Amino acid sequence: CANVYVRAAGCRLPEHYAVNGNNVEELGGGTDSFMEMFRALARSPSHKVHLFGENEFFRRQTKVGIAHVVLPHLRWQHYWAVIITECDASAGSATGGPSSGE
């Protein structure tokens, strides 16, 4: 549930975003190249709408985060997460979440 993780990192998402939903995340895997992964997501009609803000809902999402993790024991080994969200600036920075060691 990407919305849960983004909120836990300090981002106050709009109230109409589902509590346990995903209004913010794109996932890809199988390559160590960000550009290769990005091109693959951009070729997917449903991912493309989010990545390029092709409707009003996604056009308001202007905060971007990208993560890459290597897990050699798993099938795809390289995993990418792209978070694109609308985040209330008054909530402070999106730090202190699970990846910061806290």
Protein backbone atom coordinates (compact mmCIF):
# COMPACT_ATOMS: atom_id res chain seq x y z
CA CYS A 1 0.00 0.00 0.00
CA ALA A 2 2.09 2.84 -1.32
CA ASN A 3 -0.15 5.55 0.15
CA VAL A 4 0.57 4.20 3.65
CA TYR A 5 4.35 4.38 3.14
CA VAL A 6 4.25 7.86 1.65
CA ARG A 7 2.15 9.12 4.55
CA ALA A 8 4.51 7.41 7.05
CA ALA A 9 7.41 9.28 5.42
CA GLY A 10 5.77 12.59 6.34
CA CYS A 11 3.77 13.47 3.25
CA ARG A 12 0.20 14.59 3.88
CA LEU A 13 -1.67 13.20 0.88
CA PRO A 14 -5.01 14.64 -0.20
CA GLU A 15 -7.92 13.26 1.82
CA HIS A 16 -9.51 11.71 -1.27
CA TYR A 17 -6.52 9.33 -1.70
CA ALA A 18 -7.43 5.90 -0.35
CA VAL A 19 -5.90 5.01 3.02
CA ASN A 20 -4.68 1.58 1.88
CA GLY A 21 -4.51 2.35 -1.83
CA ASN A 22 -1.92 3.23 -4.40
CA ASN A 23 -2.37 6.61 -6.04
CA VAL A 24 1.36 7.33 -6.18
CA GLU A 25 3.60 4.40 -7.16
CA GLU A 26 4.97 2.75 -10.29
CA LEU A 27 7.11 -0.40 -9.97
CA GLY A 28 9.55 -1.97 -12.40
CA GLY A 29 12.24 -4.60 -12.29
CA GLY A 30 14.74 -6.73 -14.10
CA THR A 31 17.26 -4.10 -15.18
CA ASP A 32 19.98 -2.06 -13.53
CA SER A 33 19.32 0.79 -15.99
CA PHE A 34 16.89 3.46 -14.84
CA MET A 35 16.32 4.62 -18.43
CA GLU A 36 15.49 1.09 -19.59
CA MET A 37 13.02 0.68 -16.74
CA PHE A 38 11.53 4.13 -17.36
CA ARG A 39 11.04 3.38 -21.07
CA ALA A 40 9.27 0.13 -20.19
CA LEU A 41 6.90 1.94 -17.82
CA ALA A 42 6.32 4.67 -20.40
CA ARG A 43 5.23 2.04 -22.96
CA SER A 44 2.55 0.77 -20.58
CA PRO A 45 -0.69 2.74 -21.16
CA SER A 46 -1.70 2.75 -17.47
CA HIS A 47 1.79 3.70 -16.22
CA LYS A 48 2.26 6.33 -18.96
CA VAL A 49 -0.81 8.26 -17.78
CA HIS A 50 0.71 8.58 -14.32
CA LEU A 51 4.33 9.21 -15.36
CA PHE A 52 3.44 12.01 -17.75
CA GLY A 53 0.43 13.49 -15.94
CA GLU A 54 -1.94 12.80 -18.80
CA ASN A 55 -5.08 13.55 -16.81
CA GLU A 56 -6.00 16.20 -14.24
CA PHE A 57 -5.66 13.81 -11.28
CA PHE A 58 -2.05 12.89 -12.09
CA ARG A 59 -1.12 16.36 -13.39
CA ARG A 60 -1.41 17.67 -9.81
CA GLN A 61 1.22 15.15 -8.67
CA THR A 62 4.50 17.07 -8.81
CA LYS A 63 6.65 15.50 -6.06
CA VAL A 64 8.88 12.69 -7.35
CA GLY A 65 10.99 10.06 -5.61
CA ILE A 66 12.92 7.17 -7.17
CA ALA A 67 14.36 4.13 -5.41
CA HIS A 68 16.47 1.24 -6.68
CA VAL A 69 17.23 -1.91 -4.73
CA VAL A 70 19.31 -4.93 -5.72
CA LEU A 71 18.14 -8.29 -4.38
CA PRO A 72 20.29 -10.91 -6.13
CA HIS A 73 18.43 -13.83 -4.55
CA LEU A 74 15.13 -12.81 -6.17
CA ARG A 75 14.00 -13.44 -9.75
CA TRP A 76 14.39 -9.93 -11.22
CA GLN A 77 17.34 -8.89 -9.00
CA HIS A 78 16.92 -5.16 -9.71
CA TYR A 79 13.75 -3.43 -8.51
CA TRP A 80 12.67 0.16 -9.02
CA ALA A 81 9.96 2.25 -7.40
CA VAL A 82 8.89 5.60 -8.79
CA ILE A 83 6.72 7.64 -6.46
CA ILE A 84 4.91 10.60 -8.01
CA THR A 85 2.52 12.34 -5.69
CA GLU A 86 0.71 15.44 -4.64
CA CYS A 87 2.07 16.29 -1.20
CA ASP A 88 0.98 19.12 1.06
CA ALA A 89 4.10 21.22 1.60
CA SER A 90 2.96 22.22 5.08
CA ALA A 91 3.49 18.61 6.17
CA GLY A 92 7.27 19.14 6.12
CA SER A 93 9.85 17.09 4.29
CA ALA A 94 9.21 13.48 3.39
CA THR A 95 12.06 12.12 5.49
CA GLY A 96 12.28 9.89 8.49
CA GLY A 97 10.38 7.03 6.89
CA PRO A 98 11.22 3.34 6.73
CA SER A 99 14.26 3.75 4.47
CA SER A 100 15.96 6.28 6.76
CA GLY A 101 16.76 3.69 9.40
CA GLU A 102 14.14 4.83 11.90
